Amino acid sequence: MERVFSKSTLRTFWEKHPDCEQYLKTWYDTVMNSEWKNPIEVKGTFVHASILRNSRIVFNIKGNSYRLVAKFNFEKQWVFIKFIGTHSEYNGIDATTI
């Protein structure tokens, strides 16, 4: 089982953007109930995810209205939420270093 750091980040975001609440809850539940060993396995579940360097994966949330960047530690089964924002906000960051 993956551990996500931290759900409160998601909650804070969906309180500001209620249209994505159910999408983020589904993402969280899927991650918590998975035991991926590598990025390819993540992509098998989230086919539209983008695998980046530095152990980061970008997820499209709500039909690409929002982007979530997570850093994975597959050995420890940890997932760190590094960024969540609108598509335009995502375009202003470097997802490999955030």
N, C-alpha and C. Protein backbone atom coordinates (compact mmCIF):
# COMPACT_ATOMS: atom_id res chain seq x y z
N MET A 1 0.84 -1.19 0.00
CA MET A 1 0.00 0.00 0.00
C MET A 1 0.88 1.25 0.00
N GLU A 2 0.57 2.15 -0.89
CA GLU A 2 1.28 3.42 -0.97
C GLU A 2 0.89 4.30 0.22
N ARG A 3 1.78 5.20 0.60
CA ARG A 3 1.47 6.24 1.58
C ARG A 3 1.58 7.57 0.86
N VAL A 4 0.55 8.39 0.99
CA VAL A 4 0.51 9.68 0.30
C VAL A 4 0.75 10.78 1.31
N PHE A 5 1.68 11.66 0.98
CA PHE A 5 1.98 12.84 1.81
C PHE A 5 1.62 14.08 1.02
N SER A 6 0.64 14.80 1.31
CA SER A 6 -0.32 14.51 2.34
C SER A 6 -1.72 14.79 1.81
N LYS A 7 -2.67 14.06 2.34
CA LYS A 7 -4.06 14.22 1.89
C LYS A 7 -4.57 15.63 2.17
N SER A 8 -4.06 16.27 3.21
CA SER A 8 -4.52 17.64 3.52
C SER A 8 -4.22 18.61 2.37
N THR A 9 -3.15 18.36 1.63
CA THR A 9 -2.85 19.18 0.46
C THR A 9 -3.97 19.06 -0.56
N LEU A 10 -4.44 17.85 -0.79
CA LEU A 10 -5.55 17.63 -1.71
C LEU A 10 -6.82 18.30 -1.19
N ARG A 11 -7.10 18.12 0.09
CA ARG A 11 -8.31 18.68 0.68
C ARG A 11 -8.32 20.21 0.57
N THR A 12 -7.21 20.83 0.87
CA THR A 12 -7.12 22.28 0.75
C THR A 12 -7.40 22.73 -0.67
N PHE A 13 -6.89 21.98 -1.64
CA PHE A 13 -7.08 22.35 -3.04
C PHE A 13 -8.54 22.16 -3.45
N TRP A 14 -9.16 21.04 -3.09
CA TRP A 14 -10.54 20.84 -3.54
C TRP A 14 -11.51 21.75 -2.80
N GLU A 15 -11.13 22.26 -1.63
CA GLU A 15 -11.99 23.26 -0.99
C GLU A 15 -12.03 24.55 -1.79
N LYS A 16 -10.93 24.87 -2.47
CA LYS A 16 -10.87 26.06 -3.33
C LYS A 16 -11.42 25.78 -4.72
N HIS A 17 -11.36 24.51 -5.15
CA HIS A 17 -11.80 24.09 -6.48
C HIS A 17 -12.72 22.87 -6.33
N PRO A 18 -13.97 23.08 -5.85
CA PRO A 18 -14.84 21.95 -5.54
C PRO A 18 -15.16 21.06 -6.74
N ASP A 19 -14.99 21.56 -7.95
CA ASP A 19 -15.29 20.74 -9.13
C ASP A 19 -14.34 19.56 -9.29
N CYS A 20 -13.21 19.57 -8.58
CA CYS A 20 -12.27 18.46 -8.71
C CYS A 20 -12.23 17.56 -7.48
N GLU A 21 -13.09 17.80 -6.51
CA GLU A 21 -13.04 17.02 -5.27
C GLU A 21 -13.14 15.52 -5.52
N GLN A 22 -14.15 15.09 -6.24
CA GLN A 22 -14.33 13.65 -6.45
C GLN A 22 -13.18 13.05 -7.25
N TYR A 23 -12.64 13.80 -8.20
CA TYR A 23 -11.51 13.32 -8.99
C TYR A 23 -10.28 13.11 -8.11
N LEU A 24 -10.03 14.05 -7.20
CA LEU A 24 -8.87 13.92 -6.31
C LEU A 24 -9.08 12.79 -5.29
N LYS A 25 -10.29 12.62 -4.82
CA LYS A 25 -10.56 11.52 -3.90
C LYS A 25 -10.35 10.18 -4.60
N THR A 26 -10.77 10.09 -5.84
CA THR A 26 -10.57 8.86 -6.61
C THR A 26 -9.09 8.61 -6.84
N TRP A 27 -8.33 9.66 -7.19
CA TRP A 27 -6.87 9.53 -7.37
C TRP A 27 -6.23 9.02 -6.08
N TYR A 28 -6.59 9.65 -4.96
CA TYR A 28 -6.03 9.28 -3.66
C TYR A 28 -6.34 7.82 -3.33
N ASP A 29 -7.59 7.42 -3.47
CA ASP A 29 -7.98 6.04 -3.16
C ASP A 29 -7.24 5.04 -4.04
N THR A 30 -7.09 5.38 -5.32
CA THR A 30 -6.38 4.49 -6.25
C THR A 30 -4.92 4.34 -5.82
N VAL A 31 -4.28 5.45 -5.48
CA VAL A 31 -2.87 5.40 -5.06
C VAL A 31 -2.73 4.62 -3.76
N MET A 32 -3.62 4.87 -2.81
CA MET A 32 -3.52 4.19 -1.52
C MET A 32 -3.72 2.67 -1.65
N ASN A 33 -4.45 2.24 -2.65
CA ASN A 33 -4.73 0.81 -2.81
C ASN A 33 -3.85 0.14 -3.86
N SER A 34 -2.76 0.80 -4.22
CA SER A 34 -1.85 0.25 -5.23
C SER A 34 -0.51 -0.06 -4.59
N GLU A 35 0.20 -0.97 -5.23
CA GLU A 35 1.57 -1.31 -4.80
C GLU A 35 2.46 -1.34 -6.03
N TRP A 36 2.58 -0.20 -6.67
CA TRP A 36 3.39 -0.11 -7.87
C TRP A 36 4.87 -0.28 -7.54
N LYS A 37 5.58 -0.92 -8.44
CA LYS A 37 7.02 -1.13 -8.25
C LYS A 37 7.86 -0.19 -9.10
N ASN A 38 7.22 0.47 -10.08
CA ASN A 38 7.96 1.36 -10.97
C ASN A 38 6.97 2.27 -11.71
N PRO A 39 7.49 3.29 -12.41
CA PRO A 39 6.62 4.23 -13.12
C PRO A 39 5.76 3.59 -14.20
N ILE A 40 6.26 2.53 -14.83
CA ILE A 40 5.49 1.86 -15.89
C ILE A 40 4.20 1.27 -15.31
N GLU A 41 4.26 0.74 -14.09
CA GLU A 41 3.06 0.21 -13.46
C GLU A 41 2.06 1.33 -13.14
N VAL A 42 2.56 2.49 -12.74
CA VAL A 42 1.68 3.65 -12.51
C VAL A 42 0.97 4.01 -13.81
N LYS A 43 1.75 4.06 -14.89
CA LYS A 43 1.20 4.41 -16.20
C LYS A 43 0.17 3.37 -16.66
N GLY A 44 0.32 2.14 -16.22
CA GLY A 44 -0.67 1.12 -16.53
C GLY A 44 -2.02 1.40 -15.90
N THR A 45 -2.00 2.07 -14.76
CA THR A 45 -3.24 2.45 -14.07
C THR A 45 -3.75 3.80 -14.57
N PHE A 46 -2.84 4.76 -14.68
CA PHE A 46 -3.18 6.11 -15.14
C PHE A 46 -2.56 6.31 -16.51
N VAL A 47 -3.26 5.90 -17.55
CA VAL A 47 -2.67 5.86 -18.90
C VAL A 47 -2.27 7.24 -19.43
N HIS A 48 -2.88 8.30 -18.92
CA HIS A 48 -2.55 9.65 -19.40
C HIS A 48 -1.51 10.35 -18.54
N ALA A 49 -0.96 9.64 -17.56
CA ALA A 49 0.09 10.22 -16.72
C ALA A 49 1.36 10.38 -17.54
N SER A 50 2.15 11.38 -17.14
CA SER A 50 3.44 11.62 -17.82
C SER A 50 4.56 11.32 -16.84
N ILE A 51 5.47 10.46 -17.25
CA ILE A 51 6.61 10.09 -16.42
C ILE A 51 7.74 11.07 -16.69
N LEU A 52 8.22 11.71 -15.64
CA LEU A 52 9.32 12.68 -15.74
C LEU A 52 10.54 12.15 -15.02
N ARG A 53 11.64 12.86 -15.14
CA ARG A 53 12.84 12.48 -14.38
C ARG A 53 12.66 12.89 -12.91
N ASN A 54 13.62 12.53 -12.11
CA ASN A 54 13.60 12.83 -10.67
C ASN A 54 12.42 12.19 -9.95
N SER A 55 12.02 11.01 -10.41
CA SER A 55 10.97 10.21 -9.75
C SER A 55 9.61 10.90 -9.71
N ARG A 56 9.37 11.79 -10.67
CA ARG A 56 8.11 12.52 -10.68
C ARG A 56 7.18 12.02 -11.78
N ILE A 57 5.90 12.05 -11.46
CA ILE A 57 4.86 11.68 -12.42
C ILE A 57 3.79 12.76 -12.38
N VAL A 58 3.34 13.19 -13.56
CA VAL A 58 2.30 14.21 -13.68
C VAL A 58 0.99 13.51 -14.01
N PHE A 59 -0.04 13.84 -13.25
CA PHE A 59 -1.37 13.28 -13.44
C PHE A 59 -2.32 14.36 -13.93
N ASN A 60 -3.12 14.02 -14.90
CA ASN A 60 -4.18 14.91 -15.37
C ASN A 60 -5.40 14.66 -14.49
N ILE A 61 -5.92 15.72 -13.92
CA ILE A 61 -7.07 15.63 -13.03
C ILE A 61 -8.25 16.34 -13.68
N LYS A 62 -9.38 15.69 -13.67
CA LYS A 62 -10.62 16.23 -14.24
C LYS A 62 -10.43 16.62 -15.70
N GLY A 63 -10.09 15.62 -16.49
CA GLY A 63 -9.98 15.85 -17.93
C GLY A 63 -8.93 16.88 -18.29
N ASN A 64 -7.86 16.92 -17.55
CA ASN A 64 -6.74 17.82 -17.80
C ASN A 64 -7.02 19.26 -17.41
N SER A 65 -8.07 19.50 -16.62
CA SER A 65 -8.32 20.85 -16.10
C SER A 65 -7.28 21.20 -15.04
N TYR A 66 -6.83 20.19 -14.33
CA TYR A 66 -5.85 20.37 -13.27
C TYR A 66 -4.71 19.38 -13.47
N ARG A 67 -3.56 19.74 -12.89
CA ARG A 67 -2.40 18.86 -12.95
C ARG A 67 -1.90 18.61 -11.53
N LEU A 68 -1.49 17.37 -11.28
CA LEU A 68 -0.93 16.99 -10.01
C LEU A 68 0.43 16.37 -10.29
N VAL A 69 1.46 16.89 -9.61
CA VAL A 69 2.82 16.34 -9.73
C VAL A 69 3.14 15.63 -8.43
N ALA A 70 3.51 14.36 -8.55
CA ALA A 70 3.86 13.58 -7.37
C ALA A 70 5.26 12.99 -7.55
N LYS A 71 5.98 12.95 -6.45
CA LYS A 71 7.30 12.31 -6.44
C LYS A 71 7.14 10.95 -5.76
N PHE A 72 7.65 9.93 -6.41
CA PHE A 72 7.48 8.56 -5.93
C PHE A 72 8.77 7.99 -5.36
N ASN A 73 8.63 7.27 -4.25
CA ASN A 73 9.69 6.42 -3.73
C ASN A 73 9.10 5.01 -3.74
N PHE A 74 9.38 4.27 -4.81
CA PHE A 74 8.77 2.96 -4.98
C PHE A 74 9.25 1.95 -3.94
N GLU A 75 10.49 2.07 -3.52
CA GLU A 75 11.03 1.13 -2.53
C GLU A 75 10.27 1.22 -1.21
N LYS A 76 10.00 2.45 -0.76
CA LYS A 76 9.29 2.64 0.51
C LYS A 76 7.79 2.78 0.34
N GLN A 77 7.33 2.80 -0.93
CA GLN A 77 5.91 2.96 -1.22
C GLN A 77 5.37 4.29 -0.69
N TRP A 78 6.15 5.35 -0.93
CA TRP A 78 5.75 6.70 -0.53
C TRP A 78 5.47 7.52 -1.77
N VAL A 79 4.46 8.40 -1.65
CA VAL A 79 4.13 9.34 -2.71
C VAL A 79 4.03 10.73 -2.08
N PHE A 80 4.80 11.65 -2.61
CA PHE A 80 4.81 13.02 -2.11
C PHE A 80 4.16 13.94 -3.14
N ILE A 81 3.11 14.63 -2.74
CA ILE A 81 2.47 15.58 -3.65
C ILE A 81 3.35 16.83 -3.67
N LYS A 82 3.88 17.13 -4.84
CA LYS A 82 4.78 18.27 -5.00
C LYS A 82 4.07 19.51 -5.53
N PHE A 83 2.97 19.30 -6.27
CA PHE A 83 2.25 20.42 -6.87
C PHE A 83 0.85 19.96 -7.25
N ILE A 84 -0.10 20.84 -7.08
CA ILE A 84 -1.41 20.66 -7.67
C ILE A 84 -1.91 22.04 -8.06
N GLY A 85 -2.41 22.15 -9.28
CA GLY A 85 -2.88 23.45 -9.75
C GLY A 85 -3.58 23.33 -11.08
N THR A 86 -3.97 24.48 -11.59
CA THR A 86 -4.61 24.51 -12.90
C THR A 86 -3.58 24.20 -13.98
N HIS A 87 -4.09 23.91 -15.14
CA HIS A 87 -3.19 23.64 -16.26
C HIS A 87 -2.28 24.83 -16.52
N SER A 88 -2.82 26.04 -16.46
CA SER A 88 -1.99 27.23 -16.71
C SER A 88 -0.97 27.45 -15.60
N GLU A 89 -1.32 27.16 -14.35
CA GLU A 89 -0.35 27.26 -13.25
C GLU A 89 0.77 26.24 -13.44
N TYR A 90 0.41 25.05 -13.90
CA TYR A 90 1.39 24.01 -14.16
C TYR A 90 2.41 24.47 -15.21
N ASN A 91 1.94 25.19 -16.20
CA ASN A 91 2.84 25.67 -17.25
C ASN A 91 3.89 26.64 -16.72
N GLY A 92 3.69 27.20 -15.53
CA GLY A 92 4.63 28.14 -14.95
C GLY A 92 5.65 27.51 -14.01
N ILE A 93 5.65 26.19 -13.89
CA ILE A 93 6.59 25.54 -12.97
C ILE A 93 7.51 24.59 -13.74
N ASP A 94 8.56 24.17 -13.08
CA ASP A 94 9.41 23.10 -13.60
C ASP A 94 9.07 21.85 -12.78
N ALA A 95 8.28 20.98 -13.36
CA ALA A 95 7.78 19.81 -12.64
C ALA A 95 8.87 18.85 -12.20
N THR A 96 10.05 18.94 -12.81
CA THR A 96 11.14 18.03 -12.43
C THR A 96 11.89 18.50 -11.19
N THR A 97 11.68 19.75 -10.79
CA THR A 97 12.42 20.26 -9.64
C THR A 97 11.53 20.77 -8.50
N ILE A 98 10.25 20.94 -8.76
CA ILE A 98 9.38 21.50 -7.74
C ILE A 98 9.27 20.56 -6.55
